[in-house]
């Protein structure tokens, strides 16, 4: 199947038998996309990443996580 030229950015996962190259239009569009994504990062993104790491740790350490949650809940109950 021949690769047709397009006037809009077109990302392919295969080079269709041609040399794997990136066009200038694709490079500019990808750069613009990455700059927008970088600008959207903020404190909320960092909190989401930290929460994901915490949940991953809790899944792999189920018993330890349950004990830690129990201890924290007990301390909170005694303080309140």
N, C-alpha and C. Protein backbone atom coordinates (compact mmCIF):
# COMPACT_ATOMS: atom_id res chain seq x y z
N UNK A 1 0.85 -1.16 0.00
CA UNK A 1 0.00 0.00 0.00
C UNK A 1 0.91 1.23 0.00
N UNK A 2 0.80 2.10 -0.99
CA UNK A 2 1.66 3.26 -1.05
C UNK A 2 1.24 4.32 -0.04
N UNK A 3 2.24 5.02 0.45
CA UNK A 3 1.98 6.07 1.41
C UNK A 3 1.70 7.36 0.65
N UNK A 4 0.54 7.96 0.90
CA UNK A 4 0.19 9.17 0.18
C UNK A 4 0.62 10.39 0.97
N UNK A 5 0.97 11.45 0.27
CA UNK A 5 1.36 12.71 0.91
C UNK A 5 0.10 13.42 1.38
N UNK A 6 0.18 14.00 2.55
CA UNK A 6 -0.97 14.71 3.11
C UNK A 6 -0.54 16.11 3.51
N UNK A 7 -1.49 17.01 3.56
CA UNK A 7 -1.21 18.38 3.94
C UNK A 7 -1.39 18.60 5.45
N UNK A 8 -1.78 17.59 6.17
CA UNK A 8 -1.93 17.67 7.61
C UNK A 8 -0.99 16.64 8.25
N UNK A 9 -0.63 16.85 9.53
CA UNK A 9 0.28 15.88 10.18
C UNK A 9 -0.30 14.48 10.17
N UNK A 10 0.56 13.52 9.90
CA UNK A 10 0.13 12.14 9.77
C UNK A 10 1.19 11.25 10.40
N UNK A 11 0.88 10.63 11.55
CA UNK A 11 1.84 9.76 12.20
C UNK A 11 1.49 8.32 11.87
N UNK A 12 2.48 7.60 11.40
CA UNK A 12 2.31 6.20 11.05
C UNK A 12 3.21 5.35 11.93
N UNK A 13 2.81 4.10 12.11
CA UNK A 13 3.63 3.17 12.87
C UNK A 13 4.47 2.30 11.95
N UNK A 14 4.39 2.55 10.68
CA UNK A 14 5.12 1.76 9.71
C UNK A 14 5.59 2.67 8.59
N UNK A 15 6.68 2.31 7.95
CA UNK A 15 7.21 3.15 6.87
C UNK A 15 6.77 2.66 5.49
N UNK A 16 5.98 1.61 5.41
CA UNK A 16 5.45 1.07 4.15
C UNK A 16 6.55 0.78 3.13
N UNK A 17 7.66 0.26 3.57
CA UNK A 17 8.73 -0.11 2.67
C UNK A 17 9.62 1.04 2.24
N UNK A 18 9.33 2.24 2.70
CA UNK A 18 10.15 3.41 2.38
C UNK A 18 11.06 3.71 3.57
N UNK A 19 12.05 4.56 3.37
CA UNK A 19 12.89 4.93 4.52
C UNK A 19 12.05 5.62 5.59
N UNK A 20 12.29 5.27 6.82
CA UNK A 20 11.53 5.86 7.93
C UNK A 20 12.06 7.27 8.19
N UNK A 21 11.32 8.26 7.78
CA UNK A 21 11.70 9.66 7.95
C UNK A 21 10.52 10.42 8.55
N UNK A 22 10.81 11.55 9.13
CA UNK A 22 9.76 12.42 9.64
C UNK A 22 9.77 13.69 8.80
N UNK A 23 8.61 14.11 8.37
CA UNK A 23 8.55 15.30 7.53
C UNK A 23 8.65 16.55 8.40
N UNK A 24 8.95 17.66 7.77
CA UNK A 24 9.05 18.93 8.49
C UNK A 24 7.71 19.31 9.10
N UNK A 25 6.61 19.05 8.39
CA UNK A 25 5.28 19.37 8.90
C UNK A 25 4.98 18.55 10.15
N UNK A 26 5.32 17.28 10.12
CA UNK A 26 5.11 16.43 11.30
C UNK A 26 5.97 16.89 12.46
N UNK A 27 7.21 17.27 12.19
CA UNK A 27 8.12 17.70 13.25
C UNK A 27 7.61 18.98 13.91
N UNK A 28 7.14 19.94 13.11
CA UNK A 28 6.62 21.20 13.66
C UNK A 28 5.35 20.93 14.48
N UNK A 29 4.47 20.10 13.95
CA UNK A 29 3.23 19.79 14.66
C UNK A 29 3.51 19.06 15.97
N UNK A 30 4.44 18.13 15.96
CA UNK A 30 4.79 17.41 17.17
C UNK A 30 5.42 18.34 18.19
N UNK A 31 6.27 19.26 17.75
CA UNK A 31 6.87 20.24 18.65
C UNK A 31 5.81 21.12 19.30
N UNK A 32 4.82 21.56 18.51
CA UNK A 32 3.73 22.39 19.05
C UNK A 32 2.92 21.59 20.07
N UNK A 33 2.66 20.33 19.77
CA UNK A 33 1.90 19.48 20.69
C UNK A 33 2.66 19.29 22.01
N UNK A 34 3.95 19.04 21.93
CA UNK A 34 4.75 18.84 23.13
C UNK A 34 4.84 20.11 23.97
N UNK A 35 4.89 21.28 23.32
CA UNK A 35 4.94 22.52 24.09
C UNK A 35 3.61 22.77 24.80
N UNK A 36 2.48 22.43 24.16
CA UNK A 36 1.18 22.58 24.81
C UNK A 36 1.07 21.61 25.98
N UNK A 37 1.51 20.38 25.79
CA UNK A 37 1.46 19.39 26.87
C UNK A 37 2.34 19.81 28.03
N UNK A 38 3.51 20.37 27.74
CA UNK A 38 4.40 20.84 28.79
C UNK A 38 3.79 21.99 29.57
N UNK A 39 3.07 22.87 28.87
CA UNK A 39 2.44 24.02 29.54
C UNK A 39 1.28 23.57 30.43
N UNK A 40 0.66 22.47 30.10
CA UNK A 40 -0.49 21.99 30.87
C UNK A 40 -0.07 21.28 32.15
N UNK A 41 1.21 20.93 32.25
CA UNK A 41 1.67 20.27 33.47
C UNK A 41 1.69 21.27 34.61
N UNK A 42 1.32 20.82 35.75
CA UNK A 42 1.28 21.70 36.91
C UNK A 42 1.25 20.89 38.18
N UNK A 43 0.89 21.55 39.28
CA UNK A 43 0.86 20.85 40.56
C UNK A 43 -0.12 19.68 40.58
N UNK A 44 -1.23 19.84 39.88
CA UNK A 44 -2.21 18.76 39.87
C UNK A 44 -1.65 17.51 39.20
N UNK A 45 -0.86 17.69 38.16
CA UNK A 45 -0.23 16.56 37.48
C UNK A 45 0.75 15.86 38.42
N UNK A 46 1.49 16.63 39.21
CA UNK A 46 2.44 16.04 40.16
C UNK A 46 1.70 15.25 41.24
N UNK A 47 0.58 15.80 41.71
CA UNK A 47 -0.22 15.08 42.72
C UNK A 47 -0.76 13.78 42.14
N UNK A 48 -1.22 13.83 40.89
CA UNK A 48 -1.73 12.61 40.25
C UNK A 48 -0.64 11.56 40.09
N UNK A 49 0.56 11.98 39.74
CA UNK A 49 1.67 11.03 39.62
C UNK A 49 2.05 10.43 40.95
N UNK A 50 2.06 11.26 42.00
CA UNK A 50 2.37 10.76 43.34
C UNK A 50 1.32 9.79 43.83
N UNK A 51 0.05 10.11 43.56
CA UNK A 51 -1.04 9.23 43.96
C UNK A 51 -0.95 7.89 43.22
N UNK A 52 -0.59 7.93 41.95
CA UNK A 52 -0.42 6.69 41.18
C UNK A 52 0.71 5.83 41.74
N UNK A 53 1.81 6.49 42.14
CA UNK A 53 2.92 5.75 42.74
C UNK A 53 2.51 5.13 44.06
N UNK A 54 1.77 5.89 44.87
CA UNK A 54 1.31 5.39 46.16
C UNK A 54 0.38 4.19 45.98
N UNK A 55 -0.55 4.29 45.04
CA UNK A 55 -1.46 3.16 44.80
C UNK A 55 -0.71 1.94 44.27
N UNK A 56 0.29 2.16 43.44
CA UNK A 56 1.10 1.04 42.96
C UNK A 56 1.84 0.35 44.09
N UNK A 57 2.38 1.14 45.02
CA UNK A 57 3.07 0.57 46.16
C UNK A 57 2.08 -0.19 47.03
N UNK A 58 0.88 0.39 47.24
CA UNK A 58 -0.12 -0.27 48.09
C UNK A 58 -0.58 -1.59 47.48
N UNK A 59 -0.66 -1.66 46.17
CA UNK A 59 -1.08 -2.91 45.53
C UNK A 59 -0.03 -4.00 45.70
N UNK A 60 1.24 -3.61 45.66
CA UNK A 60 2.29 -4.62 45.77
C UNK A 60 2.61 -4.98 47.23
N UNK A 61 2.22 -4.14 48.17
CA UNK A 61 2.45 -4.38 49.60
C UNK A 61 1.11 -4.32 50.34
N UNK A 62 0.23 -5.24 50.05
CA UNK A 62 -1.14 -5.21 50.55
C UNK A 62 -1.21 -5.26 52.08
N UNK A 63 -0.51 -6.19 52.68
CA UNK A 63 -0.59 -6.35 54.14
C UNK A 63 0.02 -5.14 54.83
N UNK A 64 1.18 -4.71 54.38
CA UNK A 64 1.83 -3.54 54.98
C UNK A 64 0.95 -2.30 54.82
N UNK A 65 0.35 -2.14 53.65
CA UNK A 65 -0.52 -0.98 53.41
C UNK A 65 -1.75 -1.04 54.31
N UNK A 66 -2.32 -2.22 54.50
CA UNK A 66 -3.49 -2.35 55.37
C UNK A 66 -3.12 -2.01 56.81
N UNK A 67 -1.96 -2.46 57.27
CA UNK A 67 -1.51 -2.13 58.62
C UNK A 67 -1.26 -0.62 58.76
N UNK A 68 -0.65 -0.01 57.76
CA UNK A 68 -0.38 1.43 57.80
C UNK A 68 -1.68 2.22 57.83
N UNK A 69 -2.64 1.84 57.03
CA UNK A 69 -3.95 2.52 57.02
C UNK A 69 -4.63 2.34 58.37
N UNK A 70 -4.54 1.17 58.95
CA UNK A 70 -5.14 0.92 60.26
C UNK A 70 -4.49 1.77 61.34
N UNK A 71 -3.18 1.87 61.32
CA UNK A 71 -2.47 2.69 62.31
C UNK A 71 -2.85 4.16 62.14
N UNK A 72 -2.87 4.64 60.91
CA UNK A 72 -3.24 6.04 60.67
C UNK A 72 -4.68 6.32 61.09
N UNK A 73 -5.59 5.39 60.82
CA UNK A 73 -6.98 5.56 61.23
C UNK A 73 -7.10 5.56 62.75
N UNK A 74 -6.35 4.72 63.43
CA UNK A 74 -6.37 4.68 64.90
C UNK A 74 -5.85 5.98 65.49
N UNK A 75 -4.78 6.49 64.95
CA UNK A 75 -4.22 7.76 65.42
C UNK A 75 -5.21 8.89 65.19
N UNK A 76 -5.83 8.93 64.01
CA UNK A 76 -6.82 9.97 63.71
C UNK A 76 -8.01 9.87 64.67
N UNK A 77 -8.44 8.66 65.00
CA UNK A 77 -9.57 8.47 65.90
C UNK A 77 -9.22 8.93 67.32
N UNK A 78 -7.98 8.66 67.75
CA UNK A 78 -7.56 9.07 69.10
C UNK A 78 -7.39 10.59 69.19
N UNK A 79 -6.94 11.20 68.12
CA UNK A 79 -6.74 12.65 68.12
C UNK A 79 -8.07 13.38 68.10
N UNK A 80 -9.01 12.88 67.36
CA UNK A 80 -10.31 13.54 67.27
C UNK A 80 -11.12 13.16 68.47
